[in-house]
C-alpha atoms as a PDB file:
ATOM      1  CA  CYS A   1     -47.209 -53.758 -29.224  1.00  0.00           C
ATOM      2  CA  ALA A   2     -50.886 -52.071 -29.542  1.00  0.00           C
ATOM      3  CA  LYS A   3     -49.163 -48.683 -29.792  1.00  0.00           C
ATOM      4  CA  GLU A   4     -47.163 -49.582 -32.613  1.00  0.00           C
ATOM      5  CA  LEU A   5     -50.056 -51.033 -34.432  1.00  0.00           C
ATOM      6  CA  GLY A   6     -51.599 -47.688 -33.984  1.00  0.00           C
ATOM      7  CA  ASP A   7     -54.548 -48.967 -31.694  1.00  0.00           C
ATOM      8  CA  GLU A   8     -54.565 -45.936 -29.276  1.00  0.00           C
ATOM      9  CA  SER A   9     -57.566 -47.148 -27.277  1.00  0.00           C
ATOM     10  CA  GLU A  10     -56.076 -50.623 -26.759  1.00  0.00           C
ATOM     11  CA  ALA A  11     -52.836 -49.273 -25.647  1.00  0.00           C
ATOM     12  CA  GLU A  12     -54.401 -46.969 -23.127  1.00  0.00           C
ATOM     13  CA  LYS A  13     -56.338 -49.975 -21.786  1.00  0.00           C
ATOM     14  CA  TYR A  14     -52.802 -51.993 -21.419  1.00  0.00           C
ATOM     15  CA  THR A  15     -51.355 -49.065 -19.538  1.00  0.00           C
ATOM     16  CA  LYS A  16     -54.320 -48.608 -17.290  1.00  0.00           C
ATOM     17  CA  GLU A  17     -54.135 -52.411 -16.417  1.00  0.00           C
ATOM     18  CA  ARG A  18     -50.458 -52.378 -15.781  1.00  0.00           C
ATOM     19  CA  THR A  19     -50.553 -49.283 -13.644  1.00  0.00           C
ATOM     20  CA  SER A  20     -53.155 -50.868 -11.606  1.00  0.00           C
ATOM     21  CA  MET A  21     -51.365 -53.910 -10.933  1.00  0.00           C
ATOM     22  CA  LYS A  22     -48.337 -52.115  -9.952  1.00  0.00           C
ATOM     23  CA  LYS A  23     -50.329 -50.189  -7.341  1.00  0.00           C
ATOM     24  CA  ASP A  24     -52.092 -53.576  -5.965  1.00  0.00           C
ATOM     25  CA  ALA A  25     -48.586 -55.378  -5.759  1.00  0.00           C
ATOM     26  CA  GLY A  26     -47.111 -52.269  -3.939  1.00  0.00           C
ATOM     27  CA  LEU A  27     -50.375 -52.447  -1.610  1.00  0.00           C
ATOM     28  CA  LYS A  28     -49.887 -56.029  -0.903  1.00  0.00           C
ATOM     29  CA  ALA A  29     -46.293 -55.721  -0.005  1.00  0.00           C
ATOM     30  CA  LYS A  30     -47.011 -53.051   2.698  1.00  0.00           C
ATOM     31  CA  GLU A  31     -49.713 -55.292   4.146  1.00  0.00           C
ATOM     32  CA  LYS A  32     -47.649 -58.189   4.650  1.00  0.00           C
ATOM     33  CA  HIS A  33     -45.921 -59.321   7.861  1.00  0.00           C
ATOM     34  CA  LEU A  34     -42.332 -60.084   7.630  1.00  0.00           C
ATOM     35  CA  VAL A  35     -42.845 -63.737   7.067  1.00  0.00           C
ATOM     36  CA  SER A  36     -39.862 -66.145   7.607  1.00  0.00           C
ATOM     37  CA  GLU A  37     -39.301 -68.113   4.842  1.00  0.00           C
ATOM     38  CA  SER A  38     -37.911 -70.875   7.019  1.00  0.00           C
ATOM     39  CA  VAL A  39     -40.833 -72.392   8.904  1.00  0.00           C
ATOM     40  CA  MET A  40     -38.058 -74.765  10.475  1.00  0.00           C
ATOM     41  CA  LEU A  41     -35.947 -71.918  11.664  1.00  0.00           C
ATOM     42  CA  GLN A  42     -39.106 -70.210  13.347  1.00  0.00           C
ATOM     43  CA  HIS A  43     -39.926 -73.247  15.192  1.00  0.00           C
ATOM     44  CA  LYS A  44     -36.177 -74.063  16.176  1.00  0.00           C
ATOM     45  CA  VAL A  45     -36.062 -70.029  17.412  1.00  0.00           C
ATOM     46  CA  ILE A  46     -39.114 -70.641  19.537  1.00  0.00           C
ATOM     47  CA  ASP A  47     -37.994 -73.678  21.234  1.00  0.00           C
ATOM     48  CA  CYS A  48     -34.614 -72.425  21.811  1.00  0.00           C
ATOM     49  CA  ARG A  49     -35.694 -68.938  23.476  1.00  0.00           C
ATOM     50  CA  LEU A  50     -38.061 -71.066  25.725  1.00  0.00           C
ATOM     51  CA  LEU A  51     -35.201 -72.822  26.832  1.00  0.00           C
ATOM     52  CA  ALA A  52     -32.983 -70.066  27.254  1.00  0.00           C
ATOM     53  CA  ARG A  53     -35.594 -68.323  29.396  1.00  0.00           C
ATOM     54  CA  GLN A  54     -36.335 -71.354  31.686  1.00  0.00           C
ATOM     55  CA  PHE A  55     -32.404 -71.518  31.914  1.00  0.00           C
ATOM     56  CA  ALA A  56     -31.891 -67.834  32.722  1.00  0.00           C
ATOM     57  CA  LEU A  57     -34.550 -68.368  35.429  1.00  0.00           C
ATOM     58  CA  GLU A  58     -33.329 -71.300  37.242  1.00  0.00           C
ATOM     59  CA  LYS A  59     -32.709 -70.897  41.023  1.00  0.00           C
ATOM     60  CA  SER A  60     -29.198 -72.628  41.151  1.00  0.00           C
ATOM     61  CA  ASP A  61     -26.501 -73.625  38.847  1.00  0.00           C
ATOM     62  CA  SER A  62     -26.726 -77.267  39.411  1.00  0.00           C
ATOM     63  CA  ASN A  63     -29.180 -77.921  36.477  1.00  0.00           C
ATOM     64  CA  LEU A  64     -26.795 -79.419  34.142  1.00  0.00           C
ATOM     65  CA  VAL A  65     -29.745 -81.258  32.253  1.00  0.00           C
ATOM     66  CA  GLY A  66     -31.217 -77.798  31.152  1.00  0.00           C
ATOM     67  CA  LYS A  67     -27.957 -76.559  30.132  1.00  0.00           C
ATOM     68  CA  GLU A  68     -27.419 -79.703  28.061  1.00  0.00           C
ATOM     69  CA  LYS A  69     -30.721 -79.310  26.601  1.00  0.00           C
ATOM     70  CA  LEU A  70     -30.089 -75.732  25.549  1.00  0.00           C
ATOM     71  CA  LEU A  71     -26.759 -76.637  24.096  1.00  0.00           C
ATOM     72  CA  ASN A  72     -28.227 -79.433  21.846  1.00  0.00           C
ATOM     73  CA  VAL A  73     -30.952 -76.859  20.607  1.00  0.00           C
ATOM     74  CA  LEU A  74     -28.569 -73.987  20.231  1.00  0.00           C
ATOM     75  CA  ASN A  75     -26.609 -76.455  17.913  1.00  0.00           C
ATOM     76  CA  GLU A  76     -29.517 -77.326  16.120  1.00  0.00           C
ATOM     77  CA  LEU A  77     -30.342 -73.612  15.743  1.00  0.00           C
ATOM     78  CA  GLU A  78     -27.139 -73.081  14.324  1.00  0.00           C
ATOM     79  CA  GLU A  79     -27.863 -75.577  11.539  1.00  0.00           C
ATOM     80  CA  GLU A  80     -31.235 -74.077  10.731  1.00  0.00           C
ATOM     81  CA  ILE A  81     -29.748 -70.665  10.273  1.00  0.00           C
ATOM     82  CA  CYS A  82     -27.163 -72.110   7.800  1.00  0.00           C
ATOM     83  CA  LEU A  83     -30.118 -73.350   5.854  1.00  0.00           C
ATOM     84  CA  ALA A  84     -32.240 -70.436   6.201  1.00  0.00           C
ATOM     85  CA  PRO A  85     -32.131 -67.886   3.523  1.00  0.00           C
ATOM     86  CA  PRO A  86     -30.328 -64.313   4.741  1.00  0.00           C
ATOM     87  CA  GLU A  87     -33.260 -62.740   6.230  1.00  0.00           C
ATOM     88  CA  SER A  88     -33.909 -60.661   9.423  1.00  0.00           C
ATOM     89  CA  MET A  89     -35.079 -63.721  11.385  1.00  0.00           C
ATOM     90  CA  ALA A  90     -31.726 -65.597  10.428  1.00  0.00           C
ATOM     91  CA  ARG A  91     -29.571 -62.813  11.535  1.00  0.00           C
ATOM     92  CA  ASP A  92     -31.633 -62.403  14.873  1.00  0.00           C
ATOM     93  CA  ALA A  93     -31.463 -65.861  15.572  1.00  0.00           C
ATOM     94  CA  ALA A  94     -27.671 -65.858  15.019  1.00  0.00           C
ATOM     95  CA  HIS A  95     -27.113 -62.720  17.155  1.00  0.00           C
ATOM     96  CA  PHE A  96     -29.404 -64.496  19.854  1.00  0.00           C
ATOM     97  CA  ARG A  97     -27.228 -68.015  19.565  1.00  0.00           C
ATOM     98  CA  GLY A  98     -23.988 -65.616  19.817  1.00  0.00           C
ATOM     99  CA  THR A  99     -25.342 -64.061  23.004  1.00  0.00           C
ATOM    100  CA  ILE A 100     -26.299 -67.265  24.848  1.00  0.00           C
ATOM    101  CA  MET A 101     -23.239 -68.826  23.882  1.00  0.00           C
ATOM    102  CA  LEU A 102     -21.301 -65.969  25.385  1.00  0.00           C
ATOM    103  CA  TRP A 103     -23.070 -66.186  28.695  1.00  0.00           C
ATOM    104  CA  ILE A 104     -24.128 -69.841  29.006  1.00  0.00           C
ATOM    105  CA  ASP A 105     -21.208 -70.859  31.283  1.00  0.00           C
ATOM    106  CA  GLU A 106     -21.378 -67.691  33.446  1.00  0.00           C
ATOM    107  CA  PRO A 107     -23.119 -68.096  37.106  1.00  0.00           C
ATOM    108  CA  ILE A 108     -26.596 -67.232  37.362  1.00  0.00           C
ATOM    109  CA  SER A 109     -26.095 -63.885  38.875  1.00  0.00           C
ATOM    110  CA  LYS A 110     -23.920 -62.685  35.652  1.00  0.00           C
ATOM    111  CA  ARG A 111     -26.123 -64.593  32.701  1.00  0.00           C
ATOM    112  CA  ARG A 112     -29.630 -63.914  33.750  1.00  0.00           C
ATOM    113  CA  VAL A 113     -30.110 -60.305  32.547  1.00  0.00           C
ATOM    114  CA  PRO A 114     -28.209 -60.557  29.011  1.00  0.00           C
ATOM    115  CA  ILE A 115     -29.894 -63.642  28.366  1.00  0.00           C
ATOM    116  CA  LEU A 116     -33.275 -62.403  29.304  1.00  0.00           C
ATOM    117  CA  LYS A 117     -32.386 -59.059  26.896  1.00  0.00           C
ATOM    118  CA  ALA A 118     -31.585 -61.589  24.164  1.00  0.00           C
ATOM    119  CA  CYS A 119     -34.650 -63.336  24.621  1.00  0.00           C
ATOM    120  CA  ASP A 120     -36.734 -59.964  24.713  1.00  0.00           C
ATOM    121  CA  SER A 121     -34.928 -59.046  21.822  1.00  0.00           C
ATOM    122  CA  LEU A 122     -35.888 -62.241  20.001  1.00  0.00           C
ATOM    123  CA  ARG A 123     -39.460 -62.189  21.341  1.00  0.00           C
ATOM    124  CA  ASP A 124     -39.625 -58.683  19.276  1.00  0.00           C
ATOM    125  CA  THR A 125     -38.311 -60.153  16.228  1.00  0.00           C
ATOM    126  CA  LEU A 126     -40.932 -62.902  16.426  1.00  0.00           C
ATOM    127  CA  ARG A 127     -43.612 -60.620  16.647  1.00  0.00           C
ATOM    128  CA  ALA A 128     -42.431 -58.535  13.880  1.00  0.00           C
ATOM    129  CA  HIS A 129     -42.729 -61.601  11.795  1.00  0.00           C
ATOM    130  CA  GLY A 130     -46.291 -62.087  12.894  1.00  0.00           C
ATOM    131  CA  ILE A 131     -45.978 -64.593  15.511  1.00  0.00           C
ATOM    132  CA  GLN A 132     -47.622 -64.223  18.835  1.00  0.00           C
ATOM    133  CA  VAL A 133     -45.380 -64.528  21.898  1.00  0.00           C
ATOM    134  CA  VAL A 134     -46.712 -63.963  25.478  1.00  0.00           C
ATOM    135  CA  ASP A 135     -44.170 -64.621  28.330  1.00  0.00           C
ATOM    136  CA  SER A 136     -45.260 -65.527  31.659  1.00  0.00           C
ATOM    137  CA  MET A 137     -43.637 -66.742  34.836  1.00  0.00           C
ATOM    138  CA  ILE A 138     -45.063 -69.361  36.867  1.00  0.00           C
ATOM    139  CA  GLN A 139     -44.130 -69.783  40.647  1.00  0.00           C
ATOM    140  CA  LYS A 140     -42.653 -73.280  41.506  1.00  0.00           C
ATOM    141  CA  LYS A 141     -43.663 -74.520  45.115  1.00  0.00           C
END
């Protein structure tokens, strides 16, 4: 508009301001963590991952309560995945859920490694989204 009116100094001012704003927006986009738009999905992913790790690290197949809890949380996770925007957290959560469902009925000797690998992969996704995840093992007496 300023250029059309013949005000070159005003047009130059607007051009510099617009260029500066574009540069700032580009820098801010690079600085951001991959933040999930669905906080509920993040919480459900964390809950589900914790139960999956506990389930994988069980000493025997007799803990049906742990399996039922995990199945319930996996169902809740599926609902959150459906509600979440199609972002990498939702995609990775769906992949995690599929892996757990594939191995959940197998004996401990077969399920432990794939479930723990799925948990490790999900941990990396959570970290990429700015969520601090520290795994530890506590020896039960």
